[in-house]
């Protein structure tokens, strides 16, 4: 909360609130509605990708339960702190499909890793197309440095994941030796059960065809998000090149990784302001864009998630309990509830 409040203050401290309100009232409604529709449609596309990640031995889990789990997860990210939506999504998938919690959670971790790789690729395109000097900085870091650092980080994660799925024997032996050396016997056995479940969540990385399909859908998700940002530029009369949408979505995606309030209010607005400043967009216009776009896209997936929560016969209190109980990736098996 402190981070969010500080960044919101910084974003708004020199902006005339009357001018900001006037810009919000003067927004072009149709392009903004189109932007909201496109980014909301990206969530079913995420569900399609998730089905491929959870596919086991040629069989796929049904779409609708996974869609409900996806909507619940992103709704929880908007309403609960500390990115609790990732745990809530895995918990909902376990309740609705019977998939192991650790498997669902591992597949979400793979999603985040593939998202990172995709965003690094799109960020590289945005930097190249934007014509920025190598020393151009955002928030004290050079754009090239952000791309290089993120690329190294996600490449290391991918290498570790590939090692786990292609050489599970050596990986599990190392894990078993380590856990039994540092943990009590009961917790060591439980940890190994969890790791075995997580291996199933990484299974898509073992099959080149599945990996390529998942990467295709990853690019589809983020190109739809980029299109949404670009449509919102039209709504707020912001004249910037198409590459600005790529750059903005990539930097926001990395920026909201810092701890903040539910819904990422603060980091979203601050990153938008400093990014659009690279294109000469004044603070009041950039912040009005950030506030208008953020609030407009916050509502649909939150409402859809609440509807999915009711359809799944779950409650927000269940998700809070899941965050507490599953935070250590506890893994009780569960029969499907719906």
C-alpha atoms as a PDB file:
ATOM      1  CA  UNK A   1       0.000   0.000   0.000  1.00  0.00           C
ATOM      2  CA  UNK A   2       2.868   2.380   0.784  1.00  0.00           C
ATOM      3  CA  UNK A   3       4.417   1.731  -2.632  1.00  0.00           C
ATOM      4  CA  UNK A   4       1.091   2.324  -4.383  1.00  0.00           C
ATOM      5  CA  UNK A   5       0.357   5.526  -2.460  1.00  0.00           C
ATOM      6  CA  UNK A   6       3.852   6.893  -3.131  1.00  0.00           C
ATOM      7  CA  UNK A   7       3.663   6.160  -6.865  1.00  0.00           C
ATOM      8  CA  UNK A   8       0.129   7.545  -7.171  1.00  0.00           C
ATOM      9  CA  UNK A   9       1.257  10.728  -5.419  1.00  0.00           C
ATOM     10  CA  UNK A  10       4.241  11.038  -7.737  1.00  0.00           C
ATOM     11  CA  UNK A  11       2.041  10.462 -10.798  1.00  0.00           C
ATOM     12  CA  UNK A  12      -0.485  13.106  -9.749  1.00  0.00           C
ATOM     13  CA  UNK A  13       1.516  15.624  -7.699  1.00  0.00           C
ATOM     14  CA  UNK A  14       1.978  18.191 -10.489  1.00  0.00           C
ATOM     15  CA  UNK A  15      -1.128  17.345 -12.536  1.00  0.00           C
ATOM     16  CA  UNK A  16      -4.119  19.687 -12.479  1.00  0.00           C
ATOM     17  CA  UNK A  17      -7.012  17.469 -11.376  1.00  0.00           C
ATOM     18  CA  UNK A  18      -9.530  19.684 -13.156  1.00  0.00           C
ATOM     19  CA  UNK A  19      -7.652  19.229 -16.427  1.00  0.00           C
ATOM     20  CA  UNK A  20      -7.392  15.474 -15.793  1.00  0.00           C
ATOM     21  CA  UNK A  21     -11.158  15.249 -15.241  1.00  0.00           C
ATOM     22  CA  UNK A  22     -11.822  17.310 -18.371  1.00  0.00           C
ATOM     23  CA  UNK A  23      -9.676  14.941 -20.439  1.00  0.00           C
ATOM     24  CA  UNK A  24     -11.502  11.934 -19.010  1.00  0.00           C
ATOM     25  CA  UNK A  25     -14.864  13.482 -19.839  1.00  0.00           C
ATOM     26  CA  UNK A  26     -13.702  14.277 -23.365  1.00  0.00           C
ATOM     27  CA  UNK A  27     -12.562  10.740 -24.205  1.00  0.00           C
ATOM     28  CA  UNK A  28     -13.765   9.176 -27.468  1.00  0.00           C
ATOM     29  CA  UNK A  29     -16.056   6.418 -26.241  1.00  0.00           C
ATOM     30  CA  UNK A  30     -16.022   4.011 -29.200  1.00  0.00           C
ATOM     31  CA  UNK A  31     -12.221   3.534 -29.384  1.00  0.00           C
ATOM     32  CA  UNK A  32     -12.118   3.127 -25.594  1.00  0.00           C
ATOM     33  CA  UNK A  33     -14.878   0.500 -25.668  1.00  0.00           C
ATOM     34  CA  UNK A  34     -12.990  -1.298 -28.446  1.00  0.00           C
ATOM     35  CA  UNK A  35      -9.829  -1.225 -26.332  1.00  0.00           C
ATOM     36  CA  UNK A  36     -11.688  -2.682 -23.342  1.00  0.00           C
ATOM     37  CA  UNK A  37     -13.297  -5.381 -25.512  1.00  0.00           C
ATOM     38  CA  UNK A  38      -9.971  -6.456 -27.055  1.00  0.00           C
ATOM     39  CA  UNK A  39      -8.110  -6.720 -23.753  1.00  0.00           C
ATOM     40  CA  UNK A  40     -11.044  -8.560 -22.137  1.00  0.00           C
ATOM     41  CA  UNK A  41     -11.093 -11.056 -25.021  1.00  0.00           C
ATOM     42  CA  UNK A  42      -7.433 -11.768 -24.323  1.00  0.00           C
ATOM     43  CA  UNK A  43      -8.449 -13.596 -21.132  1.00  0.00           C
ATOM     44  CA  UNK A  44     -10.274 -16.418 -22.997  1.00  0.00           C
ATOM     45  CA  UNK A  45      -7.161 -16.641 -25.192  1.00  0.00           C
ATOM     46  CA  UNK A  46      -5.129 -17.081 -21.998  1.00  0.00           C
ATOM     47  CA  UNK A  47      -7.476 -19.936 -21.096  1.00  0.00           C
ATOM     48  CA  UNK A  48      -6.832 -21.630 -24.451  1.00  0.00           C
ATOM     49  CA  UNK A  49      -3.090 -21.430 -23.787  1.00  0.00           C
ATOM     50  CA  UNK A  50      -3.563 -22.767 -20.253  1.00  0.00           C
ATOM     51  CA  UNK A  51      -5.418 -25.815 -21.616  1.00  0.00           C
ATOM     52  CA  UNK A  52      -2.349 -26.680 -23.692  1.00  0.00           C
ATOM     53  CA  UNK A  53      -0.082 -26.293 -20.674  1.00  0.00           C
ATOM     54  CA  UNK A  54      -2.331 -28.618 -18.644  1.00  0.00           C
ATOM     55  CA  UNK A  55      -2.822 -31.134 -21.467  1.00  0.00           C
ATOM     56  CA  UNK A  56      -1.745 -34.600 -20.347  1.00  0.00           C
ATOM     57  CA  UNK A  57      -1.243 -37.603 -22.642  1.00  0.00           C
ATOM     58  CA  UNK A  58      -3.309 -36.047 -25.415  1.00  0.00           C
ATOM     59  CA  UNK A  59      -6.344 -35.234 -23.242  1.00  0.00           C
ATOM     60  CA  UNK A  60      -7.406 -31.676 -22.478  1.00  0.00           C
ATOM     61  CA  UNK A  61      -9.326 -30.322 -19.527  1.00  0.00           C
ATOM     62  CA  UNK A  62     -12.723 -28.759 -20.364  1.00  0.00           C
ATOM     63  CA  UNK A  63     -12.612 -25.106 -21.365  1.00  0.00           C
ATOM     64  CA  UNK A  64     -15.353 -23.613 -19.176  1.00  0.00           C
ATOM     65  CA  UNK A  65     -13.996 -24.685 -15.758  1.00  0.00           C
ATOM     66  CA  UNK A  66     -10.580 -23.366 -16.750  1.00  0.00           C
ATOM     67  CA  UNK A  67     -12.176 -20.134 -17.982  1.00  0.00           C
ATOM     68  CA  UNK A  68     -13.900 -19.718 -14.616  1.00  0.00           C
ATOM     69  CA  UNK A  69     -10.583 -20.347 -12.850  1.00  0.00           C
ATOM     70  CA  UNK A  70      -8.839 -17.805 -15.096  1.00  0.00           C
ATOM     71  CA  UNK A  71     -11.472 -15.137 -14.461  1.00  0.00           C
ATOM     72  CA  UNK A  72     -11.400 -15.845 -10.729  1.00  0.00           C
ATOM     73  CA  UNK A  73      -7.612 -15.562 -10.662  1.00  0.00           C
ATOM     74  CA  UNK A  74      -7.453 -12.203 -12.422  1.00  0.00           C
ATOM     75  CA  UNK A  75     -10.367 -10.896 -10.375  1.00  0.00           C
ATOM     76  CA  UNK A  76      -8.481 -11.891  -7.220  1.00  0.00           C
ATOM     77  CA  UNK A  77      -5.377 -10.049  -8.462  1.00  0.00           C
ATOM     78  CA  UNK A  78      -7.588  -6.951  -8.697  1.00  0.00           C
ATOM     79  CA  UNK A  79      -9.172  -7.333  -5.251  1.00  0.00           C
ATOM     80  CA  UNK A  80      -6.621  -9.140  -3.086  1.00  0.00           C
ATOM     81  CA  UNK A  81      -3.023  -8.094  -2.294  1.00  0.00           C
ATOM     82  CA  UNK A  82       0.311  -9.747  -3.084  1.00  0.00           C
ATOM     83  CA  UNK A  83      -0.762 -11.212  -6.448  1.00  0.00           C
ATOM     84  CA  UNK A  84      -3.004 -13.649  -4.595  1.00  0.00           C
ATOM     85  CA  UNK A  85      -4.751 -14.295  -7.907  1.00  0.00           C
ATOM     86  CA  UNK A  86      -2.081 -16.794  -8.945  1.00  0.00           C
ATOM     87  CA  UNK A  87      -2.838 -18.981  -5.917  1.00  0.00           C
ATOM     88  CA  UNK A  88      -6.574 -18.367  -6.271  1.00  0.00           C
ATOM     89  CA  UNK A  89      -6.477 -19.452  -9.918  1.00  0.00           C
ATOM     90  CA  UNK A  90      -4.688 -22.715  -9.100  1.00  0.00           C
ATOM     91  CA  UNK A  91      -7.061 -23.309  -6.176  1.00  0.00           C
ATOM     92  CA  UNK A  92     -10.116 -22.712  -8.386  1.00  0.00           C
ATOM     93  CA  UNK A  93      -8.716 -25.060 -11.055  1.00  0.00           C
ATOM     94  CA  UNK A  94      -8.270 -27.779  -8.433  1.00  0.00           C
ATOM     95  CA  UNK A  95     -11.808 -27.324  -7.152  1.00  0.00           C
ATOM     96  CA  UNK A  96     -13.379 -27.210 -10.628  1.00  0.00           C
ATOM     97  CA  UNK A  97     -11.369 -29.832 -12.525  1.00  0.00           C
ATOM     98  CA  UNK A  98      -9.653 -32.019  -9.921  1.00  0.00           C
ATOM     99  CA  UNK A  99      -6.191 -31.200 -11.283  1.00  0.00           C
ATOM    100  CA  UNK A 100      -3.515 -31.240  -8.593  1.00  0.00           C
ATOM    101  CA  UNK A 101      -2.933 -27.823  -7.034  1.00  0.00           C
ATOM    102  CA  UNK A 102       0.831 -28.062  -7.530  1.00  0.00           C
ATOM    103  CA  UNK A 103       0.346 -28.997 -11.198  1.00  0.00           C
ATOM    104  CA  UNK A 104      -1.970 -26.043 -11.806  1.00  0.00           C
ATOM    105  CA  UNK A 105       0.350 -23.693  -9.942  1.00  0.00           C
ATOM    106  CA  UNK A 106       3.387 -24.924 -11.870  1.00  0.00           C
ATOM    107  CA  UNK A 107       1.569 -24.400 -15.170  1.00  0.00           C
ATOM    108  CA  UNK A 108       0.823 -20.813 -14.118  1.00  0.00           C
ATOM    109  CA  UNK A 109       4.502 -20.347 -13.282  1.00  0.00           C
ATOM    110  CA  UNK A 110       5.360 -21.617 -16.774  1.00  0.00           C
ATOM    111  CA  UNK A 111       2.847 -19.132 -18.187  1.00  0.00           C
ATOM    112  CA  UNK A 112       4.584 -16.279 -16.394  1.00  0.00           C
ATOM    113  CA  UNK A 113       7.955 -17.439 -17.674  1.00  0.00           C
ATOM    114  CA  UNK A 114       6.687 -17.648 -21.262  1.00  0.00           C
ATOM    115  CA  UNK A 115       5.002 -14.266 -20.840  1.00  0.00           C
ATOM    116  CA  UNK A 116       8.371 -12.859 -19.819  1.00  0.00           C
ATOM    117  CA  UNK A 117      10.120 -14.307 -22.868  1.00  0.00           C
ATOM    118  CA  UNK A 118       7.358 -12.991 -25.148  1.00  0.00           C
ATOM    119  CA  UNK A 119       7.499  -9.541 -23.582  1.00  0.00           C
ATOM    120  CA  UNK A 120      11.281  -9.383 -23.950  1.00  0.00           C
ATOM    121  CA  UNK A 121      10.891 -10.171 -27.673  1.00  0.00           C
ATOM    122  CA  UNK A 122       8.189  -7.497 -28.090  1.00  0.00           C
ATOM    123  CA  UNK A 123      10.209  -4.990 -26.035  1.00  0.00           C
ATOM    124  CA  UNK A 124      13.176  -5.548 -28.342  1.00  0.00           C
ATOM    125  CA  UNK A 125      10.957  -4.835 -31.357  1.00  0.00           C
ATOM    126  CA  UNK A 126       9.584  -1.700 -29.663  1.00  0.00           C
ATOM    127  CA  UNK A 127      13.079  -0.364 -28.890  1.00  0.00           C
ATOM    128  CA  UNK A 128      14.244  -1.052 -32.440  1.00  0.00           C
ATOM    129  CA  UNK A 129      11.150   0.487 -34.047  1.00  0.00           C
ATOM    130  CA  UNK A 130      11.081   3.466 -31.679  1.00  0.00           C
ATOM    131  CA  UNK A 131      14.534   4.596 -32.711  1.00  0.00           C
ATOM    132  CA  UNK A 132      15.669   5.254 -29.138  1.00  0.00           C
ATOM    133  CA  UNK A 133      19.275   5.938 -28.290  1.00  0.00           C
ATOM    134  CA  UNK A 134      20.970   3.082 -26.377  1.00  0.00           C
ATOM    135  CA  UNK A 135      21.186   5.275 -23.260  1.00  0.00           C
ATOM    136  CA  UNK A 136      17.468   6.180 -23.134  1.00  0.00           C
ATOM    137  CA  UNK A 137      16.264   5.648 -19.571  1.00  0.00           C
ATOM    138  CA  UNK A 138      12.925   4.870 -17.917  1.00  0.00           C
ATOM    139  CA  UNK A 139      12.822   5.162 -14.141  1.00  0.00           C
ATOM    140  CA  UNK A 140      16.604   5.317 -13.938  1.00  0.00           C
ATOM    141  CA  UNK A 141      17.211   2.224 -16.096  1.00  0.00           C
ATOM    142  CA  UNK A 142      18.111   2.174 -19.772  1.00  0.00           C
ATOM    143  CA  UNK A 143      15.623   0.528 -22.104  1.00  0.00           C
ATOM    144  CA  UNK A 144      18.359  -1.726 -23.453  1.00  0.00           C
ATOM    145  CA  UNK A 145      19.311  -2.617 -19.865  1.00  0.00           C
ATOM    146  CA  UNK A 146      15.711  -3.536 -19.030  1.00  0.00           C
ATOM    147  CA  UNK A 147      15.491  -5.764 -22.111  1.00  0.00           C
ATOM    148  CA  UNK A 148      18.875  -7.378 -21.442  1.00  0.00           C
ATOM    149  CA  UNK A 149      18.219  -7.982 -17.731  1.00  0.00           C
ATOM    150  CA  UNK A 150      14.738  -9.407 -18.315  1.00  0.00           C
ATOM    151  CA  UNK A 151      16.043 -11.560 -21.165  1.00  0.00           C
ATOM    152  CA  UNK A 152      18.765 -13.075 -18.969  1.00  0.00           C
ATOM    153  CA  UNK A 153      16.351 -13.649 -16.065  1.00  0.00           C
ATOM    154  CA  UNK A 154      13.687 -15.424 -18.101  1.00  0.00           C
ATOM    155  CA  UNK A 155      16.247 -17.389 -20.125  1.00  0.00           C
ATOM    156  CA  UNK A 156      17.704 -18.785 -16.894  1.00  0.00           C
ATOM    157  CA  UNK A 157      14.201 -19.741 -15.712  1.00  0.00           C
ATOM    158  CA  UNK A 158      13.525 -21.470 -19.039  1.00  0.00           C
ATOM    159  CA  UNK A 159      16.827 -23.346 -18.821  1.00  0.00           C
ATOM    160  CA  UNK A 160      15.995 -24.582 -15.304  1.00  0.00           C
ATOM    161  CA  UNK A 161      12.497 -25.643 -16.388  1.00  0.00           C
ATOM    162  CA  UNK A 162      13.866 -27.479 -19.435  1.00  0.00           C
ATOM    163  CA  UNK A 163      16.388 -29.270 -17.224  1.00  0.00           C
ATOM    164  CA  UNK A 164      13.575 -30.376 -14.912  1.00  0.00           C
ATOM    165  CA  UNK A 165      11.352 -31.762 -17.667  1.00  0.00           C
ATOM    166  CA  UNK A 166      14.015 -33.334 -19.886  1.00  0.00           C
ATOM    167  CA  UNK A 167      16.172 -34.777 -17.116  1.00  0.00           C
ATOM    168  CA  UNK A 168      13.664 -35.387 -14.315  1.00  0.00           C
ATOM    169  CA  UNK A 169      15.708 -38.240 -12.855  1.00  0.00           C
ATOM    170  CA  UNK A 170      18.850 -36.213 -12.042  1.00  0.00           C
ATOM    171  CA  UNK A 171      16.739 -33.181 -11.088  1.00  0.00           C
ATOM    172  CA  UNK A 172      14.600 -35.173  -8.661  1.00  0.00           C
ATOM    173  CA  UNK A 173      17.656 -36.928  -7.194  1.00  0.00           C
ATOM    174  CA  UNK A 174      19.263 -33.544  -6.490  1.00  0.00           C
ATOM    175  CA  UNK A 175      15.994 -32.278  -5.006  1.00  0.00           C
ATOM    176  CA  UNK A 176      15.512 -35.432  -2.887  1.00  0.00           C
ATOM    177  CA  UNK A 177      19.067 -35.284  -1.563  1.00  0.00           C
ATOM    178  CA  UNK A 178      18.724 -31.604  -0.715  1.00  0.00           C
ATOM    179  CA  UNK A 179      15.288 -31.781   0.932  1.00  0.00           C
ATOM    180  CA  UNK A 180      16.182 -34.801   3.078  1.00  0.00           C
ATOM    181  CA  UNK A 181      19.358 -33.035   4.183  1.00  0.00           C
ATOM    182  CA  UNK A 182      17.681 -29.805   5.313  1.00  0.00           C
ATOM    183  CA  UNK A 183      14.080 -30.761   6.192  1.00  0.00           C
ATOM    184  CA  UNK A 184      12.437 -33.149   8.674  1.00  0.00           C
ATOM    185  CA  UNK A 185      11.422 -36.458   7.148  1.00  0.00           C
ATOM    186  CA  UNK A 186       7.684 -35.631   6.967  1.00  0.00           C
ATOM    187  CA  UNK A 187       8.248 -32.256   5.293  1.00  0.00           C
ATOM    188  CA  UNK A 188      10.868 -33.702   2.930  1.00  0.00           C
ATOM    189  CA  UNK A 189       8.399 -36.346   1.717  1.00  0.00           C
ATOM    190  CA  UNK A 190       5.681 -33.734   1.314  1.00  0.00           C
ATOM    191  CA  UNK A 191       8.027 -31.443  -0.624  1.00  0.00           C
ATOM    192  CA  UNK A 192       8.934 -34.262  -3.010  1.00  0.00           C
ATOM    193  CA  UNK A 193       5.238 -34.983  -3.621  1.00  0.00           C
ATOM    194  CA  UNK A 194       4.755 -31.328  -4.476  1.00  0.00           C
ATOM    195  CA  UNK A 195       7.738 -31.295  -6.846  1.00  0.00           C
ATOM    196  CA  UNK A 196       6.437 -34.393  -8.624  1.00  0.00           C
ATOM    197  CA  UNK A 197       3.098 -32.672  -9.096  1.00  0.00           C
ATOM    198  CA  UNK A 198       4.853 -29.582 -10.427  1.00  0.00           C
ATOM    199  CA  UNK A 199       6.654 -31.662 -13.038  1.00  0.00           C
ATOM    200  CA  UNK A 200       3.271 -32.394 -14.639  1.00  0.00           C
ATOM    201  CA  UNK A 201       2.700 -28.652 -14.881  1.00  0.00           C
ATOM    202  CA  UNK A 202       5.931 -28.337 -16.854  1.00  0.00           C
ATOM    203  CA  UNK A 203       5.040 -31.182 -19.204  1.00  0.00           C
ATOM    204  CA  UNK A 204       4.244 -28.931 -22.180  1.00  0.00           C
ATOM    205  CA  UNK A 205       7.920 -27.918 -22.301  1.00  0.00           C
ATOM    206  CA  UNK A 206       8.864 -31.545 -23.008  1.00  0.00           C
ATOM    207  CA  UNK A 207       7.029 -31.673 -26.351  1.00  0.00           C
ATOM    208  CA  UNK A 208       8.351 -29.269 -29.048  1.00  0.00           C
ATOM    209  CA  UNK A 209       4.982 -29.141 -30.822  1.00  0.00           C
ATOM    210  CA  UNK A 210       3.124 -28.167 -27.651  1.00  0.00           C
ATOM    211  CA  UNK A 211       5.805 -25.625 -26.779  1.00  0.00           C
ATOM    212  CA  UNK A 212       5.428 -23.931 -30.177  1.00  0.00           C
ATOM    213  CA  UNK A 213       1.631 -23.869 -29.844  1.00  0.00           C
ATOM    214  CA  UNK A 214       1.879 -22.336 -26.385  1.00  0.00           C
ATOM    215  CA  UNK A 215       4.317 -19.694 -27.657  1.00  0.00           C
ATOM    216  CA  UNK A 216       1.912 -18.881 -30.502  1.00  0.00           C
ATOM    217  CA  UNK A 217      -0.884 -18.239 -28.022  1.00  0.00           C
ATOM    218  CA  UNK A 218       1.509 -16.257 -25.815  1.00  0.00           C
ATOM    219  CA  UNK A 219       2.202 -13.853 -28.670  1.00  0.00           C
ATOM    220  CA  UNK A 220      -1.538 -13.736 -29.428  1.00  0.00           C
ATOM    221  CA  UNK A 221      -2.290 -12.703 -25.816  1.00  0.00           C
ATOM    222  CA  UNK A 222       0.249  -9.880 -25.777  1.00  0.00           C
ATOM    223  CA  UNK A 223      -0.413  -8.620 -29.286  1.00  0.00           C
ATOM    224  CA  UNK A 224      -4.085  -8.311 -28.329  1.00  0.00           C
ATOM    225  CA  UNK A 225      -3.020  -6.346 -25.251  1.00  0.00           C
ATOM    226  CA  UNK A 226      -0.857  -4.111 -27.451  1.00  0.00           C
ATOM    227  CA  UNK A 227      -3.788  -3.525 -29.799  1.00  0.00           C
ATOM    228  CA  UNK A 228      -5.870  -2.509 -26.781  1.00  0.00           C
ATOM    229  CA  UNK A 229      -3.277   0.069 -25.703  1.00  0.00           C
ATOM    230  CA  UNK A 230      -3.130   1.438 -29.261  1.00  0.00           C
ATOM    231  CA  UNK A 231      -6.931   1.769 -29.491  1.00  0.00           C
ATOM    232  CA  UNK A 232      -6.910   3.627 -26.175  1.00  0.00           C
ATOM    233  CA  UNK A 233      -4.324   6.047 -27.617  1.00  0.00           C
ATOM    234  CA  UNK A 234      -6.928   6.923 -30.250  1.00  0.00           C
ATOM    235  CA  UNK A 235      -9.547   7.387 -27.526  1.00  0.00           C
ATOM    236  CA  UNK A 236      -7.398   9.956 -25.720  1.00  0.00           C
ATOM    237  CA  UNK A 237      -6.057  11.711 -28.854  1.00  0.00           C
ATOM    238  CA  UNK A 238      -2.498  10.587 -28.130  1.00  0.00           C
ATOM    239  CA  UNK A 239      -0.427  10.626 -31.313  1.00  0.00           C
ATOM    240  CA  UNK A 240       2.414   8.140 -30.949  1.00  0.00           C
ATOM    241  CA  UNK A 241       3.826   5.417 -33.227  1.00  0.00           C
ATOM    242  CA  UNK A 242       2.456   1.870 -33.068  1.00  0.00           C
ATOM    243  CA  UNK A 243       5.615   0.719 -31.291  1.00  0.00           C
ATOM    244  CA  UNK A 244       4.618   2.859 -28.279  1.00  0.00           C
ATOM    245  CA  UNK A 245       1.846   0.357 -27.503  1.00  0.00           C
ATOM    246  CA  UNK A 246       4.392  -2.480 -27.443  1.00  0.00           C
ATOM    247  CA  UNK A 247       6.806  -0.520 -25.282  1.00  0.00           C
ATOM    248  CA  UNK A 248       4.149   0.634 -22.823  1.00  0.00           C
ATOM    249  CA  UNK A 249       2.587  -2.778 -22.274  1.00  0.00           C
ATOM    250  CA  UNK A 250       6.005  -4.414 -21.780  1.00  0.00           C
ATOM    251  CA  UNK A 251       7.212  -1.848 -19.242  1.00  0.00           C
ATOM    252  CA  UNK A 252       3.882  -1.905 -17.382  1.00  0.00           C
ATOM    253  CA  UNK A 253       3.997  -5.712 -17.226  1.00  0.00           C
ATOM    254  CA  UNK A 254       7.465  -5.605 -15.678  1.00  0.00           C
ATOM    255  CA  UNK A 255       6.573  -2.603 -13.499  1.00  0.00           C
ATOM    256  CA  UNK A 256       3.544  -4.179 -11.821  1.00  0.00           C
ATOM    257  CA  UNK A 257       5.746  -7.040 -10.630  1.00  0.00           C
ATOM    258  CA  UNK A 258       6.796  -4.872  -7.665  1.00  0.00           C
ATOM    259  CA  UNK A 259       4.736  -5.293  -4.470  1.00  0.00           C
ATOM    260  CA  UNK A 260       1.725  -2.968  -4.569  1.00  0.00           C
ATOM    261  CA  UNK A 261      -1.950  -2.671  -3.762  1.00  0.00           C
ATOM    262  CA  UNK A 262      -4.637  -4.859  -5.356  1.00  0.00           C
ATOM    263  CA  UNK A 263      -5.183  -3.907  -8.977  1.00  0.00           C
ATOM    264  CA  UNK A 264      -1.629  -2.495  -9.312  1.00  0.00           C
ATOM    265  CA  UNK A 265      -2.806   1.090  -8.835  1.00  0.00           C
ATOM    266  CA  UNK A 266       0.249   3.328  -8.583  1.00  0.00           C
ATOM    267  CA  UNK A 267       2.835   1.338 -10.549  1.00  0.00           C
ATOM    268  CA  UNK A 268       0.526   1.300 -13.606  1.00  0.00           C
ATOM    269  CA  UNK A 269       0.080   5.074 -13.622  1.00  0.00           C
ATOM    270  CA  UNK A 270       3.735   5.852 -12.855  1.00  0.00           C
ATOM    271  CA  UNK A 271       5.109   3.580 -15.598  1.00  0.00           C
ATOM    272  CA  UNK A 272       2.612   4.970 -18.113  1.00  0.00           C
ATOM    273  CA  UNK A 273       3.627   8.540 -17.315  1.00  0.00           C
ATOM    274  CA  UNK A 274       7.379   7.993 -17.671  1.00  0.00           C
ATOM    275  CA  UNK A 275       6.976   5.834 -20.794  1.00  0.00           C
ATOM    276  CA  UNK A 276       4.762   8.265 -22.682  1.00  0.00           C
ATOM    277  CA  UNK A 277       7.152  11.075 -21.731  1.00  0.00           C
ATOM    278  CA  UNK A 278       9.639   9.423 -24.106  1.00  0.00           C
ATOM    279  CA  UNK A 279       7.266  10.365 -26.929  1.00  0.00           C
ATOM    280  CA  UNK A 280       6.793  13.923 -25.729  1.00  0.00           C
ATOM    281  CA  UNK A 281       3.364  13.381 -24.154  1.00  0.00           C
ATOM    282  CA  UNK A 282       2.801  15.839 -21.303  1.00  0.00           C
ATOM    283  CA  UNK A 283       2.090  14.549 -17.815  1.00  0.00           C
ATOM    284  CA  UNK A 284      -1.593  15.512 -17.636  1.00  0.00           C
ATOM    285  CA  UNK A 285      -2.455  13.730 -20.877  1.00  0.00           C
ATOM    286  CA  UNK A 286      -0.376  10.667 -19.968  1.00  0.00           C
ATOM    287  CA  UNK A 287      -1.896  10.359 -16.483  1.00  0.00           C
ATOM    288  CA  UNK A 288      -5.454  10.859 -17.778  1.00  0.00           C
ATOM    289  CA  UNK A 289      -4.788   8.047 -20.258  1.00  0.00           C
ATOM    290  CA  UNK A 290      -3.408   5.821 -17.487  1.00  0.00           C
ATOM    291  CA  UNK A 291      -6.316   6.453 -15.119  1.00  0.00           C
ATOM    292  CA  UNK A 292      -9.004   6.117 -17.806  1.00  0.00           C
ATOM    293  CA  UNK A 293      -7.562   2.978 -19.372  1.00  0.00           C
ATOM    294  CA  UNK A 294      -6.770   1.347 -16.024  1.00  0.00           C
ATOM    295  CA  UNK A 295     -10.225   1.874 -14.550  1.00  0.00           C
ATOM    296  CA  UNK A 296     -12.003   0.899 -17.785  1.00  0.00           C
ATOM    297  CA  UNK A 297     -10.156  -2.398 -18.125  1.00  0.00           C
ATOM    298  CA  UNK A 298     -10.241  -3.133 -14.379  1.00  0.00           C
ATOM    299  CA  UNK A 299     -14.021  -3.464 -14.267  1.00  0.00           C
ATOM    300  CA  UNK A 300     -14.925  -6.155 -16.876  1.00  0.00           C
ATOM    301  CA  UNK A 301     -12.571  -8.934 -15.744  1.00  0.00           C
ATOM    302  CA  UNK A 302     -13.390  -8.158 -12.096  1.00  0.00           C
ATOM    303  CA  UNK A 303     -17.126  -8.493 -12.773  1.00  0.00           C
ATOM    304  CA  UNK A 304     -16.577 -11.641 -14.849  1.00  0.00           C
ATOM    305  CA  UNK A 305     -14.447 -13.092 -12.063  1.00  0.00           C
ATOM    306  CA  UNK A 306     -17.112 -12.416  -9.447  1.00  0.00           C
ATOM    307  CA  UNK A 307     -19.695 -14.076 -11.737  1.00  0.00           C
ATOM    308  CA  UNK A 308     -17.390 -17.091 -12.207  1.00  0.00           C
ATOM    309  CA  UNK A 309     -16.880 -17.242  -8.442  1.00  0.00           C
ATOM    310  CA  UNK A 310     -20.639 -17.536  -7.948  1.00  0.00           C
ATOM    311  CA  UNK A 311     -20.948 -20.116 -10.741  1.00  0.00           C
ATOM    312  CA  UNK A 312     -18.223 -22.197  -9.080  1.00  0.00           C
ATOM    313  CA  UNK A 313     -20.045 -21.966  -5.720  1.00  0.00           C
ATOM    314  CA  UNK A 314     -16.987 -20.346  -4.161  1.00  0.00           C
ATOM    315  CA  UNK A 315     -16.630 -17.167  -2.131  1.00  0.00           C
ATOM    316  CA  UNK A 316     -13.957 -14.506  -1.807  1.00  0.00           C
ATOM    317  CA  UNK A 317     -13.314 -15.812   1.723  1.00  0.00           C
ATOM    318  CA  UNK A 318     -12.433 -19.196   0.160  1.00  0.00           C
ATOM    319  CA  UNK A 319      -9.746 -17.493  -1.934  1.00  0.00           C
ATOM    320  CA  UNK A 320      -8.319 -15.742   1.107  1.00  0.00           C
ATOM    321  CA  UNK A 321      -8.242 -19.076   2.902  1.00  0.00           C
ATOM    322  CA  UNK A 322      -6.586 -20.644  -0.138  1.00  0.00           C
ATOM    323  CA  UNK A 323      -3.897 -17.956  -0.059  1.00  0.00           C
ATOM    324  CA  UNK A 324      -3.155 -18.812   3.557  1.00  0.00           C
ATOM    325  CA  UNK A 325      -3.422 -22.604   3.256  1.00  0.00           C
ATOM    326  CA  UNK A 326      -1.892 -23.078  -0.208  1.00  0.00           C
ATOM    327  CA  UNK A 327       0.821 -20.439   0.174  1.00  0.00           C
ATOM    328  CA  UNK A 328       3.254 -23.251   0.866  1.00  0.00           C
ATOM    329  CA  UNK A 329       1.835 -25.094  -2.182  1.00  0.00           C
ATOM    330  CA  UNK A 330       0.064 -27.616  -0.015  1.00  0.00           C
ATOM    331  CA  UNK A 331      -1.359 -30.233  -2.285  1.00  0.00           C
ATOM    332  CA  UNK A 332      -4.387 -32.168  -1.080  1.00  0.00           C
ATOM    333  CA  UNK A 333      -6.162 -34.004  -3.868  1.00  0.00           C
ATOM    334  CA  UNK A 334      -9.712 -32.909  -4.526  1.00  0.00           C
ATOM    335  CA  UNK A 335     -12.591 -34.233  -6.577  1.00  0.00           C
ATOM    336  CA  UNK A 336     -14.138 -31.776  -8.990  1.00  0.00           C
ATOM    337  CA  UNK A 337     -16.950 -29.679  -7.520  1.00  0.00           C
ATOM    338  CA  UNK A 338     -18.405 -28.502 -10.831  1.00  0.00           C
END
